[in-house]
Amino acid sequence: MILDDVQRLTWIATLKPTNSNLNEYVDNLVSYKEVNFIKVQLKEQKNYLKIAQLLQKVIPYHLVLWLEDESSFCVHTAFKRINQADNTKRTIQEIIYSPWIETNRLDKITETFLESLDFNTLLHHSLKAYYENFVAQIFALESAKITGFFRQQEFSKTFDEVPLLREIESLEQQIKALKATLKKQTQIKKKIELNMQIKRLHFKFSELQETLIKNNPNPKGLL
């Protein structure tokens, strides 16, 4: 079983209107009555996504998972909608998680990202707004890996950039796959064709990177 890879589950905290001064938010589509934080200590990373998705599925409240092994960690979140066939159940709409971060090798971007998750720095008028802006910082970290600096953002602005980030991610995967194919290729003609494809993708990547930087100008001194 994939849960055999879990060494320990620790319930860190539960935010509710009674202990956070954040209003609940409920409508026909979503329910934010509480936000839960759980630490998942893993024996190994191999099945971490399956483990996280299982926990997100069985726990109906919006959930922040802090997954860690001996040397690294990642943050896992998910947007959930009310199941229209059974309003006691939830349907996962979208999963958002950070890359694995080495605990003893935090760079300035990662340190700023972790600081941005502090409760007092995020928008506070409701549990929904709080969770959305928590997730926004994961998107901001993804953007920072491309632009070279971390900028704390609100969910509404960051969410507009998600298609751009996903397109950049797709280009990175395509380039990686083509480079792997190129290493195995022996025919000169095929090598030339592959190199041309890689160059075109790199050019497109640079264009999108410039667009992302233009949309997020670096304030003086921000890293």
C-alpha atoms as a PDB file:
ATOM      1  CA  MET A   1       0.000   0.000   0.000  1.00  0.00           C
ATOM      2  CA  ILE A   2       1.158   3.522  -0.741  1.00  0.00           C
ATOM      3  CA  LEU A   3       0.514   4.489   2.889  1.00  0.00           C
ATOM      4  CA  ASP A   4       3.363   2.162   3.850  1.00  0.00           C
ATOM      5  CA  ASP A   5       5.626   5.017   2.716  1.00  0.00           C
ATOM      6  CA  VAL A   6       4.187   7.254   5.457  1.00  0.00           C
ATOM      7  CA  GLN A   7       6.240   7.323   8.628  1.00  0.00           C
ATOM      8  CA  ARG A   8       4.006   9.682  10.601  1.00  0.00           C
ATOM      9  CA  LEU A   9       0.989  11.972  10.192  1.00  0.00           C
ATOM     10  CA  THR A  10       0.809  15.020  12.453  1.00  0.00           C
ATOM     11  CA  TRP A  11      -2.187  17.349  12.623  1.00  0.00           C
ATOM     12  CA  ILE A  12      -0.532  20.761  12.915  1.00  0.00           C
ATOM     13  CA  ALA A  13      -3.471  23.165  13.109  1.00  0.00           C
ATOM     14  CA  THR A  14      -7.056  23.891  12.152  1.00  0.00           C
ATOM     15  CA  LEU A  15      -8.158  27.410  11.277  1.00  0.00           C
ATOM     16  CA  LYS A  16     -11.799  28.205  12.054  1.00  0.00           C
ATOM     17  CA  PRO A  17     -13.731  31.442  12.544  1.00  0.00           C
ATOM     18  CA  THR A  18     -13.566  30.810  16.304  1.00  0.00           C
ATOM     19  CA  ASN A  19      -9.768  30.746  16.498  1.00  0.00           C
ATOM     20  CA  SER A  20      -8.596  32.788  13.516  1.00  0.00           C
ATOM     21  CA  ASN A  21     -11.001  35.710  13.224  1.00  0.00           C
ATOM     22  CA  LEU A  22     -11.547  34.658   9.584  1.00  0.00           C
ATOM     23  CA  ASN A  23     -15.098  34.371   8.313  1.00  0.00           C
ATOM     24  CA  GLU A  24     -16.282  31.112   6.804  1.00  0.00           C
ATOM     25  CA  TYR A  25     -17.375  31.165   3.163  1.00  0.00           C
ATOM     26  CA  VAL A  26     -20.052  28.822   1.814  1.00  0.00           C
ATOM     27  CA  ASP A  27     -22.082  28.929  -1.379  1.00  0.00           C
ATOM     28  CA  ASN A  28     -23.565  26.342  -3.747  1.00  0.00           C
ATOM     29  CA  LEU A  29     -20.159  25.439  -5.170  1.00  0.00           C
ATOM     30  CA  VAL A  30     -17.569  25.670  -2.399  1.00  0.00           C
ATOM     31  CA  SER A  31     -17.325  25.427   1.363  1.00  0.00           C
ATOM     32  CA  TYR A  32     -14.622  27.036   3.485  1.00  0.00           C
ATOM     33  CA  LYS A  33     -15.646  26.307   7.059  1.00  0.00           C
ATOM     34  CA  GLU A  34     -12.129  25.444   8.147  1.00  0.00           C
ATOM     35  CA  VAL A  35      -8.608  25.026   6.785  1.00  0.00           C
ATOM     36  CA  ASN A  36      -6.478  22.163   8.076  1.00  0.00           C
ATOM     37  CA  PHE A  37      -2.697  21.776   8.181  1.00  0.00           C
ATOM     38  CA  ILE A  38      -1.121  18.320   8.289  1.00  0.00           C
ATOM     39  CA  LYS A  39       2.538  17.286   8.295  1.00  0.00           C
ATOM     40  CA  VAL A  40       3.278  14.054   6.435  1.00  0.00           C
ATOM     41  CA  GLN A  41       6.646  12.491   7.239  1.00  0.00           C
ATOM     42  CA  LEU A  42       7.632  10.100   4.457  1.00  0.00           C
ATOM     43  CA  LYS A  43      10.084   7.226   4.351  1.00  0.00           C
ATOM     44  CA  GLU A  44      10.725   8.091   0.701  1.00  0.00           C
ATOM     45  CA  GLN A  45       9.335  10.470  -1.934  1.00  0.00           C
ATOM     46  CA  LYS A  46       8.358   7.873  -4.539  1.00  0.00           C
ATOM     47  CA  ASN A  47       4.589   7.868  -3.949  1.00  0.00           C
ATOM     48  CA  TYR A  48       4.202  11.317  -2.412  1.00  0.00           C
ATOM     49  CA  LEU A  49       1.693  12.591  -4.989  1.00  0.00           C
ATOM     50  CA  LYS A  50      -0.545   9.540  -4.599  1.00  0.00           C
ATOM     51  CA  ILE A  51      -0.374   9.859  -0.820  1.00  0.00           C
ATOM     52  CA  ALA A  52      -1.178  13.582  -0.932  1.00  0.00           C
ATOM     53  CA  GLN A  53      -4.057  13.087  -3.367  1.00  0.00           C
ATOM     54  CA  LEU A  54      -5.510  10.345  -1.171  1.00  0.00           C
ATOM     55  CA  LEU A  55      -5.454  12.606   1.884  1.00  0.00           C
ATOM     56  CA  GLN A  56      -6.946  15.493  -0.101  1.00  0.00           C
ATOM     57  CA  LYS A  57      -9.718  13.160  -1.259  1.00  0.00           C
ATOM     58  CA  VAL A  58     -10.700  11.684   2.110  1.00  0.00           C
ATOM     59  CA  ILE A  59     -10.553  14.953   4.087  1.00  0.00           C
ATOM     60  CA  PRO A  60     -13.427  17.201   2.926  1.00  0.00           C
ATOM     61  CA  TYR A  61     -12.023  20.474   4.258  1.00  0.00           C
ATOM     62  CA  HIS A  62      -9.481  22.569   2.411  1.00  0.00           C
ATOM     63  CA  LEU A  63      -6.126  21.203   3.356  1.00  0.00           C
ATOM     64  CA  VAL A  64      -2.464  22.223   3.384  1.00  0.00           C
ATOM     65  CA  LEU A  65      -0.120  19.247   3.423  1.00  0.00           C
ATOM     66  CA  TRP A  66       3.481  19.719   4.487  1.00  0.00           C
ATOM     67  CA  LEU A  67       5.268  16.656   3.095  1.00  0.00           C
ATOM     68  CA  GLU A  68       8.825  15.938   4.160  1.00  0.00           C
ATOM     69  CA  ASP A  69      11.513  13.290   4.131  1.00  0.00           C
ATOM     70  CA  GLU A  70      14.895  13.337   5.860  1.00  0.00           C
ATOM     71  CA  SER A  71      16.324  16.185   3.791  1.00  0.00           C
ATOM     72  CA  SER A  72      13.570  18.040   1.915  1.00  0.00           C
ATOM     73  CA  PHE A  73       9.939  19.139   1.905  1.00  0.00           C
ATOM     74  CA  CYS A  74       7.133  20.330  -0.348  1.00  0.00           C
ATOM     75  CA  VAL A  75       3.762  22.037   0.150  1.00  0.00           C
ATOM     76  CA  HIS A  76       0.622  20.465  -1.340  1.00  0.00           C
ATOM     77  CA  THR A  77      -2.815  22.117  -1.692  1.00  0.00           C
ATOM     78  CA  ALA A  78      -6.060  21.472  -3.552  1.00  0.00           C
ATOM     79  CA  PHE A  79      -9.181  23.409  -4.484  1.00  0.00           C
ATOM     80  CA  LYS A  80     -12.325  21.415  -3.726  1.00  0.00           C
ATOM     81  CA  ARG A  81     -15.910  21.840  -4.872  1.00  0.00           C
ATOM     82  CA  ILE A  82     -19.092  20.563  -3.252  1.00  0.00           C
ATOM     83  CA  ASN A  83     -20.212  17.349  -4.938  1.00  0.00           C
ATOM     84  CA  GLN A  84     -23.513  18.277  -6.560  1.00  0.00           C
ATOM     85  CA  ALA A  85     -24.848  14.735  -6.197  1.00  0.00           C
ATOM     86  CA  ASP A  86     -23.962  14.557  -2.483  1.00  0.00           C
ATOM     87  CA  ASN A  87     -23.227  17.810  -0.662  1.00  0.00           C
ATOM     88  CA  THR A  88     -21.460  15.943   2.151  1.00  0.00           C
ATOM     89  CA  LYS A  89     -18.693  14.989  -0.285  1.00  0.00           C
ATOM     90  CA  ARG A  90     -16.080  17.053  -2.130  1.00  0.00           C
ATOM     91  CA  THR A  91     -14.685  16.911  -5.645  1.00  0.00           C
ATOM     92  CA  ILE A  92     -11.078  17.950  -6.203  1.00  0.00           C
ATOM     93  CA  GLN A  93     -11.037  20.675  -8.818  1.00  0.00           C
ATOM     94  CA  GLU A  94      -7.321  21.451  -9.035  1.00  0.00           C
ATOM     95  CA  ILE A  95      -4.155  20.380  -7.229  1.00  0.00           C
ATOM     96  CA  ILE A  96      -1.280  22.822  -6.694  1.00  0.00           C
ATOM     97  CA  TYR A  97       2.002  21.892  -5.058  1.00  0.00           C
ATOM     98  CA  SER A  98       5.513  23.248  -4.749  1.00  0.00           C
ATOM     99  CA  PRO A  99       8.677  21.525  -5.966  1.00  0.00           C
ATOM    100  CA  TRP A 100      10.695  19.613  -3.379  1.00  0.00           C
ATOM    101  CA  ILE A 101      12.922  21.995  -1.447  1.00  0.00           C
ATOM    102  CA  GLU A 102      16.138  20.902   0.265  1.00  0.00           C
ATOM    103  CA  THR A 103      15.917  21.874   3.920  1.00  0.00           C
ATOM    104  CA  ASN A 104      19.609  22.705   4.327  1.00  0.00           C
ATOM    105  CA  ARG A 105      20.000  24.515   0.992  1.00  0.00           C
ATOM    106  CA  LEU A 106      17.465  27.329   1.104  1.00  0.00           C
ATOM    107  CA  ASP A 107      18.197  30.132  -1.343  1.00  0.00           C
ATOM    108  CA  LYS A 108      16.864  33.684  -1.017  1.00  0.00           C
ATOM    109  CA  ILE A 109      13.842  32.935  -3.238  1.00  0.00           C
ATOM    110  CA  THR A 110      12.841  29.940  -1.133  1.00  0.00           C
ATOM    111  CA  GLU A 111      13.349  31.820   2.139  1.00  0.00           C
ATOM    112  CA  THR A 112      11.133  34.650   0.882  1.00  0.00           C
ATOM    113  CA  PHE A 113       8.528  32.119  -0.232  1.00  0.00           C
ATOM    114  CA  LEU A 114       8.407  30.572   3.240  1.00  0.00           C
ATOM    115  CA  GLU A 115       8.134  34.011   4.834  1.00  0.00           C
ATOM    116  CA  SER A 116       5.191  34.791   2.529  1.00  0.00           C
ATOM    117  CA  LEU A 117       3.248  31.863   4.028  1.00  0.00           C
ATOM    118  CA  ASP A 118       3.208  33.484   7.460  1.00  0.00           C
ATOM    119  CA  PHE A 119      -0.375  33.871   8.656  1.00  0.00           C
ATOM    120  CA  ASN A 120       0.032  37.590   9.299  1.00  0.00           C
ATOM    121  CA  THR A 121       1.194  38.358   5.744  1.00  0.00           C
ATOM    122  CA  LEU A 122      -1.763  36.841   3.893  1.00  0.00           C
ATOM    123  CA  LEU A 123      -5.169  38.361   3.135  1.00  0.00           C
ATOM    124  CA  HIS A 124      -7.403  37.775   6.128  1.00  0.00           C
ATOM    125  CA  HIS A 125     -11.050  38.676   5.570  1.00  0.00           C
ATOM    126  CA  SER A 126     -12.227  35.073   5.053  1.00  0.00           C
ATOM    127  CA  LEU A 127     -10.982  31.484   5.125  1.00  0.00           C
ATOM    128  CA  LYS A 128     -11.516  31.339   1.358  1.00  0.00           C
ATOM    129  CA  ALA A 129      -9.386  34.420   0.725  1.00  0.00           C
ATOM    130  CA  TYR A 130      -6.727  33.138   3.123  1.00  0.00           C
ATOM    131  CA  TYR A 131      -6.486  29.740   1.388  1.00  0.00           C
ATOM    132  CA  GLU A 132      -6.493  31.251  -2.088  1.00  0.00           C
ATOM    133  CA  ASN A 133      -3.679  33.618  -1.194  1.00  0.00           C
ATOM    134  CA  PHE A 134      -1.736  30.789   0.441  1.00  0.00           C
ATOM    135  CA  VAL A 135      -1.979  28.893  -2.861  1.00  0.00           C
ATOM    136  CA  ALA A 136      -0.997  32.059  -4.749  1.00  0.00           C
ATOM    137  CA  GLN A 137       2.412  31.973  -3.081  1.00  0.00           C
ATOM    138  CA  ILE A 138       3.073  28.518  -4.564  1.00  0.00           C
ATOM    139  CA  PHE A 139       2.338  29.963  -8.017  1.00  0.00           C
ATOM    140  CA  ALA A 140       4.576  32.925  -7.126  1.00  0.00           C
ATOM    141  CA  LEU A 141       7.396  30.494  -6.279  1.00  0.00           C
ATOM    142  CA  GLU A 142       6.962  28.832  -9.669  1.00  0.00           C
ATOM    143  CA  SER A 143       7.133  32.251 -11.310  1.00  0.00           C
ATOM    144  CA  ALA A 144      10.207  33.187  -9.250  1.00  0.00           C
ATOM    145  CA  LYS A 145      12.139  30.197 -10.564  1.00  0.00           C
ATOM    146  CA  ILE A 146      11.722  31.744 -14.026  1.00  0.00           C
ATOM    147  CA  THR A 147      12.024  35.474 -13.299  1.00  0.00           C
ATOM    148  CA  GLY A 148      14.784  35.183 -10.693  1.00  0.00           C
ATOM    149  CA  PHE A 149      12.940  36.930  -7.849  1.00  0.00           C
ATOM    150  CA  PHE A 150      10.014  36.188  -5.549  1.00  0.00           C
ATOM    151  CA  ARG A 151       7.147  38.621  -5.348  1.00  0.00           C
ATOM    152  CA  GLN A 152       4.278  37.992  -2.957  1.00  0.00           C
ATOM    153  CA  GLN A 153       0.995  38.211  -4.839  1.00  0.00           C
ATOM    154  CA  GLU A 154      -2.726  38.044  -4.336  1.00  0.00           C
ATOM    155  CA  PHE A 155      -4.602  35.129  -5.839  1.00  0.00           C
ATOM    156  CA  SER A 156      -6.564  37.167  -8.385  1.00  0.00           C
ATOM    157  CA  LYS A 157      -3.413  38.430 -10.105  1.00  0.00           C
ATOM    158  CA  THR A 158      -1.449  35.192  -9.855  1.00  0.00           C
ATOM    159  CA  PHE A 159      -4.315  33.088 -11.203  1.00  0.00           C
ATOM    160  CA  ASP A 160      -4.334  35.188 -14.385  1.00  0.00           C
ATOM    161  CA  GLU A 161      -0.740  34.071 -14.993  1.00  0.00           C
ATOM    162  CA  VAL A 162      -1.360  30.345 -14.528  1.00  0.00           C
ATOM    163  CA  PRO A 163      -1.885  29.624 -18.271  1.00  0.00           C
ATOM    164  CA  LEU A 164       1.439  31.354 -18.999  1.00  0.00           C
ATOM    165  CA  LEU A 165       3.209  29.340 -16.298  1.00  0.00           C
ATOM    166  CA  ARG A 166       1.692  26.112 -17.608  1.00  0.00           C
ATOM    167  CA  GLU A 167       2.815  26.921 -21.161  1.00  0.00           C
ATOM    168  CA  ILE A 168       6.349  27.591 -19.923  1.00  0.00           C
ATOM    169  CA  GLU A 169       6.280  24.328 -17.979  1.00  0.00           C
ATOM    170  CA  SER A 170       5.150  22.472 -21.106  1.00  0.00           C
ATOM    171  CA  LEU A 171       7.995  23.996 -23.147  1.00  0.00           C
ATOM    172  CA  GLU A 172      10.527  22.931 -20.506  1.00  0.00           C
ATOM    173  CA  GLN A 173       9.231  19.359 -20.671  1.00  0.00           C
ATOM    174  CA  GLN A 174       9.331  19.347 -24.475  1.00  0.00           C
ATOM    175  CA  ILE A 175      12.903  20.666 -24.523  1.00  0.00           C
ATOM    176  CA  LYS A 176      13.980  18.064 -21.978  1.00  0.00           C
ATOM    177  CA  ALA A 177      12.391  15.257 -24.011  1.00  0.00           C
ATOM    178  CA  LEU A 178      13.966  16.432 -27.270  1.00  0.00           C
ATOM    179  CA  LYS A 179      17.402  16.687 -25.654  1.00  0.00           C
ATOM    180  CA  ALA A 180      17.046  13.110 -24.392  1.00  0.00           C
ATOM    181  CA  THR A 181      16.099  11.968 -27.909  1.00  0.00           C
ATOM    182  CA  LEU A 182      19.022  13.913 -29.376  1.00  0.00           C
ATOM    183  CA  LYS A 183      21.522  12.073 -27.165  1.00  0.00           C
ATOM    184  CA  LYS A 184      20.350   8.735 -28.546  1.00  0.00           C
ATOM    185  CA  GLN A 185      20.179   9.852 -32.178  1.00  0.00           C
ATOM    186  CA  THR A 186      22.960   8.742 -34.532  1.00  0.00           C
ATOM    187  CA  GLN A 187      21.773  10.128 -37.873  1.00  0.00           C
ATOM    188  CA  ILE A 188      23.231  13.544 -38.697  1.00  0.00           C
ATOM    189  CA  LYS A 189      20.086  14.706 -40.496  1.00  0.00           C
ATOM    190  CA  LYS A 190      17.884  13.792 -37.532  1.00  0.00           C
ATOM    191  CA  LYS A 191      20.299  15.520 -35.131  1.00  0.00           C
ATOM    192  CA  ILE A 192      20.090  18.724 -37.144  1.00  0.00           C
ATOM    193  CA  GLU A 193      16.275  18.568 -37.169  1.00  0.00           C
ATOM    194  CA  LEU A 194      16.159  17.980 -33.411  1.00  0.00           C
ATOM    195  CA  ASN A 195      18.574  20.843 -32.741  1.00  0.00           C
ATOM    196  CA  MET A 196      16.394  23.162 -34.824  1.00  0.00           C
ATOM    197  CA  GLN A 197      13.289  22.119 -32.874  1.00  0.00           C
ATOM    198  CA  ILE A 198      15.099  22.711 -29.572  1.00  0.00           C
ATOM    199  CA  LYS A 199      16.244  26.171 -30.708  1.00  0.00           C
ATOM    200  CA  ARG A 200      12.689  27.126 -31.704  1.00  0.00           C
ATOM    201  CA  LEU A 201      11.374  26.000 -28.319  1.00  0.00           C
ATOM    202  CA  HIS A 202      14.130  27.905 -26.515  1.00  0.00           C
ATOM    203  CA  PHE A 203      13.183  31.024 -28.470  1.00  0.00           C
ATOM    204  CA  LYS A 204       9.521  30.595 -27.515  1.00  0.00           C
ATOM    205  CA  PHE A 205      10.555  29.986 -23.900  1.00  0.00           C
ATOM    206  CA  SER A 206      12.554  33.241 -23.877  1.00  0.00           C
ATOM    207  CA  GLU A 207       9.558  35.158 -25.250  1.00  0.00           C
ATOM    208  CA  LEU A 208       7.273  33.817 -22.528  1.00  0.00           C
ATOM    209  CA  GLN A 209       9.905  34.463 -19.875  1.00  0.00           C
ATOM    210  CA  GLU A 210      10.143  38.101 -20.990  1.00  0.00           C
ATOM    211  CA  THR A 211       6.354  38.396 -20.845  1.00  0.00           C
ATOM    212  CA  LEU A 212       6.324  37.006 -17.301  1.00  0.00           C
ATOM    213  CA  ILE A 213       9.061  39.420 -16.187  1.00  0.00           C
ATOM    214  CA  LYS A 214       7.267  42.327 -17.860  1.00  0.00           C
ATOM    215  CA  ASN A 215       4.073  41.442 -15.971  1.00  0.00           C
ATOM    216  CA  ASN A 216       6.059  41.257 -12.730  1.00  0.00           C
ATOM    217  CA  PRO A 217       8.610  44.065 -12.675  1.00  0.00           C
ATOM    218  CA  ASN A 218      11.221  43.625  -9.988  1.00  0.00           C
ATOM    219  CA  PRO A 219      10.979  46.350  -7.343  1.00  0.00           C
ATOM    220  CA  LYS A 220      14.376  47.655  -6.282  1.00  0.00           C
ATOM    221  CA  GLY A 221      16.120  45.261  -3.929  1.00  0.00           C
ATOM    222  CA  LEU A 222      13.599  42.417  -4.304  1.00  0.00           C
ATOM    223  CA  LEU A 223      15.105  38.944  -4.713  1.00  0.00           C
END
